[in-house]
Amino acid sequence: MKLRFSVIASVLALLGVGAAIVGKFAGSGIVPTPAAPLSPSVAASKPDASGLALERDHAAVFQRAFWRRPASSDKILHAERRDWLDDASGVQKWQWFIAVQPSAAFRDWLLKDNPFELVSVAPGTELVPLSSPPAWFPSAGELAGLSRYRNREGRYLVFHDLANDRLYATDAGGGFAGAQK
């Protein structure tokens, strides 16, 4: 009987301690609160007659390109995202271009931590032709002289201008259109 009482007392004590711990930390931030959605400073444009929608909000393009928000020390020089839309089924294809004067932390994250599994492209390797880059994006001749990186598929491209510590990047792909019948 004495053993049974001590087991019951121990279980109740553990439950009490557990409840106290849960109560103490319930609102303290152990479970992270979801981040507020990025609020673009410029409303996304409506698609033109051909279905092309342009996004030029620097922070919004940066976030969609790199899957993180820019730090105050990351200077976005230019940014553009293009979405070709179909009213019936959504985004048919997309493409973005960006030029950034990166902070040391962002540069290290992108090129050393390497979340996009970028590999260095050997100098002299022929570049994949870029489809209609904006006027501010370096020409193929200028890009050939920069340090180059690409992902496995070869579409996510990062060019590092070491002399000016600038990053130019681009990617393109198929959209998020609904299934075709």
Protein backbone atom coordinates (compact mmCIF):
# COMPACT_ATOMS: atom_id res chain seq x y z
CA MET A 1 0.00 0.00 0.00
CA LYS A 2 2.84 2.33 0.86
CA LEU A 3 4.50 1.66 -2.54
CA ARG A 4 1.28 2.41 -4.37
CA PHE A 5 0.88 5.72 -2.51
CA SER A 6 4.45 6.84 -3.36
CA VAL A 7 3.99 5.97 -7.05
CA ILE A 8 0.72 7.92 -7.18
CA ALA A 9 2.29 10.86 -5.34
CA SER A 10 5.28 10.87 -7.73
CA VAL A 11 3.05 10.81 -10.81
CA LEU A 12 0.93 13.67 -9.47
CA ALA A 13 4.05 15.67 -8.60
CA LEU A 14 5.42 15.21 -12.14
CA LEU A 15 2.09 16.24 -13.63
CA GLY A 16 2.08 19.33 -11.45
CA VAL A 17 5.62 20.30 -12.43
CA GLY A 18 4.76 19.71 -16.11
CA ALA A 19 1.66 21.88 -15.85
CA ALA A 20 3.65 24.63 -14.15
CA ILE A 21 6.29 24.59 -16.88
CA VAL A 22 3.70 24.68 -19.66
CA GLY A 23 1.86 27.51 -17.91
CA LYS A 24 5.04 29.52 -17.43
CA PHE A 25 6.11 29.32 -21.08
CA ALA A 26 2.73 29.35 -22.78
CA GLY A 27 2.97 32.96 -23.91
CA SER A 28 6.72 33.55 -23.68
CA GLY A 29 7.64 32.90 -27.29
CA ILE A 30 8.98 29.35 -27.12
CA VAL A 31 6.76 28.63 -30.08
CA PRO A 32 7.70 31.28 -32.63
CA THR A 33 4.96 33.51 -33.82
CA PRO A 34 4.51 33.49 -37.59
CA ALA A 35 6.27 36.34 -39.37
CA ALA A 36 4.09 39.07 -40.71
CA PRO A 37 3.69 38.83 -44.45
CA LEU A 38 5.89 41.08 -46.49
CA SER A 39 3.91 44.17 -47.33
CA PRO A 40 5.12 45.53 -50.64
CA SER A 41 5.54 49.26 -50.82
CA VAL A 42 4.30 49.18 -54.40
CA ALA A 43 1.24 47.23 -55.42
CA ALA A 44 1.91 44.43 -57.91
CA SER A 45 1.04 45.50 -61.39
CA LYS A 46 -1.89 44.13 -63.28
CA PRO A 47 -1.02 41.94 -66.24
CA ASP A 48 -0.89 43.63 -69.62
CA ALA A 49 -2.81 42.39 -72.66
CA SER A 50 -0.27 39.59 -73.20
CA GLY A 51 -0.66 38.43 -69.57
CA LEU A 52 2.70 39.80 -68.37
CA ALA A 53 2.75 41.23 -64.84
CA LEU A 54 5.85 43.11 -63.67
CA GLU A 55 6.93 43.41 -60.02
CA ARG A 56 9.59 46.02 -59.31
CA ASP A 57 9.30 46.32 -55.55
CA HIS A 58 12.91 45.65 -54.51
CA ALA A 59 12.18 43.95 -51.18
CA ALA A 60 9.42 41.76 -52.62
CA VAL A 61 11.60 40.57 -55.53
CA PHE A 62 14.54 39.98 -53.15
CA GLN A 63 12.38 37.86 -50.85
CA ARG A 64 11.02 35.73 -53.70
CA ALA A 65 14.50 35.35 -55.22
CA PHE A 66 16.38 34.44 -52.05
CA TRP A 67 13.60 33.19 -49.75
CA ARG A 68 14.52 35.69 -47.04
CA ARG A 69 14.02 39.35 -46.35
CA PRO A 70 16.81 41.78 -47.09
CA ALA A 71 18.70 43.16 -44.12
CA SER A 72 19.03 46.91 -43.80
CA SER A 73 22.69 46.49 -44.81
CA ASP A 74 21.77 44.79 -48.13
CA LYS A 75 21.47 47.48 -50.79
CA ILE A 76 19.17 46.38 -53.61
CA LEU A 77 20.22 48.32 -56.71
CA HIS A 78 17.67 46.93 -59.18
CA ALA A 79 15.03 44.21 -59.11
CA GLU A 80 12.39 42.92 -61.47
CA ARG A 81 10.12 39.89 -61.49
CA ARG A 82 8.00 38.91 -64.48
CA ASP A 83 4.99 36.62 -64.24
CA TRP A 84 3.16 35.48 -67.36
CA LEU A 85 -0.39 34.88 -66.22
CA ASP A 86 -3.36 33.02 -67.59
CA ASP A 87 -6.69 34.07 -66.08
CA ALA A 88 -7.97 30.52 -66.16
CA SER A 89 -5.06 28.74 -64.50
CA GLY A 90 -2.57 31.15 -62.89
CA VAL A 91 1.14 31.71 -63.46
CA GLN A 92 2.33 30.06 -66.68
CA LYS A 93 5.99 31.04 -66.30
CA TRP A 94 8.09 33.43 -64.24
CA GLN A 95 11.49 35.11 -64.37
CA TRP A 96 13.39 37.49 -62.10
CA PHE A 97 16.55 39.60 -62.20
CA ILE A 98 18.22 41.37 -59.28
CA ALA A 99 21.35 43.44 -58.56
CA VAL A 100 22.49 43.70 -54.94
CA GLN A 101 25.32 45.36 -53.06
CA PRO A 102 25.33 42.61 -50.41
CA SER A 103 26.21 42.82 -46.76
CA ALA A 104 29.01 40.46 -45.72
CA ALA A 105 26.44 38.35 -43.86
CA PHE A 106 24.21 37.93 -46.92
CA ARG A 107 27.15 37.21 -49.24
CA ASP A 108 28.46 34.55 -46.83
CA TRP A 109 25.00 33.03 -46.46
CA LEU A 110 24.46 32.85 -50.22
CA LEU A 111 27.92 31.69 -51.30
CA LYS A 112 29.36 29.89 -48.25
CA ASP A 113 26.32 28.53 -46.40
CA ASN A 114 25.01 27.93 -49.93
CA PRO A 115 21.29 27.21 -49.39
CA PHE A 116 20.67 26.94 -53.15
CA GLU A 117 23.48 24.40 -53.68
CA LEU A 118 25.30 26.68 -56.10
CA VAL A 119 28.45 25.44 -57.80
CA SER A 120 31.20 27.56 -59.23
CA VAL A 121 31.29 27.80 -63.02
CA ALA A 122 34.76 27.58 -64.52
CA PRO A 123 36.03 30.72 -66.26
CA GLY A 124 35.63 30.47 -70.01
CA THR A 125 32.57 28.24 -69.76
CA GLU A 126 29.95 29.37 -72.25
CA LEU A 127 27.02 31.18 -70.63
CA VAL A 128 23.45 30.05 -71.04
CA PRO A 129 21.79 32.85 -73.02
CA LEU A 130 19.56 34.99 -70.82
CA SER A 131 16.06 35.65 -72.09
CA SER A 132 15.40 39.40 -72.37
CA PRO A 133 17.31 40.75 -69.38
CA PRO A 134 16.45 44.31 -68.32
CA ALA A 135 18.68 47.12 -69.60
CA TRP A 136 20.39 47.52 -66.18
CA PHE A 137 21.49 43.84 -66.08
CA PRO A 138 25.08 43.31 -67.32
CA SER A 139 25.55 42.09 -70.89
CA ALA A 140 26.77 38.58 -71.67
CA GLY A 141 30.25 39.99 -72.31
CA GLU A 142 30.30 41.73 -68.93
CA LEU A 143 28.95 38.64 -67.14
CA ALA A 144 31.68 36.48 -68.70
CA GLY A 145 34.27 38.43 -66.69
CA LEU A 146 32.56 37.89 -63.32
CA SER A 147 32.72 34.97 -60.87
CA ARG A 148 29.80 32.73 -61.77
CA TYR A 149 27.68 30.23 -59.87
CA ARG A 150 24.70 28.12 -60.86
CA ASN A 151 22.39 25.55 -59.31
CA ARG A 152 22.14 21.94 -60.53
CA GLU A 153 19.49 22.75 -63.11
CA GLY A 154 21.61 25.61 -64.44
CA ARG A 155 18.82 28.22 -64.36
CA TYR A 156 19.48 29.87 -60.98
CA LEU A 157 22.51 31.99 -61.83
CA VAL A 158 24.56 34.24 -59.57
CA PHE A 159 27.31 36.50 -60.87
CA HIS A 160 29.71 38.10 -58.37
CA ASP A 161 31.47 41.28 -59.43
CA LEU A 162 34.46 41.05 -57.08
CA ALA A 163 35.82 44.50 -57.99
CA ASN A 164 32.62 46.26 -56.90
CA ASP A 165 31.29 43.56 -54.54
CA ARG A 166 27.99 43.33 -56.38
CA LEU A 167 25.82 40.31 -56.97
CA TYR A 168 23.67 39.91 -60.06
CA ALA A 169 21.28 37.00 -60.09
CA THR A 170 18.49 35.56 -62.21
CA ASP A 171 16.22 32.56 -62.41
CA ALA A 172 13.26 31.48 -64.49
CA GLY A 173 10.85 28.61 -64.55
CA GLY A 174 7.46 27.18 -65.28
CA GLY A 175 4.58 28.59 -63.35
CA PHE A 176 2.12 27.40 -60.82
CA ALA A 177 -0.72 26.95 -63.26
CA GLY A 178 -3.49 24.51 -62.55
CA ALA A 179 -3.36 21.05 -64.05
CA GLN A 180 -4.09 20.93 -67.75
CA LYS A 181 -7.05 18.80 -68.83
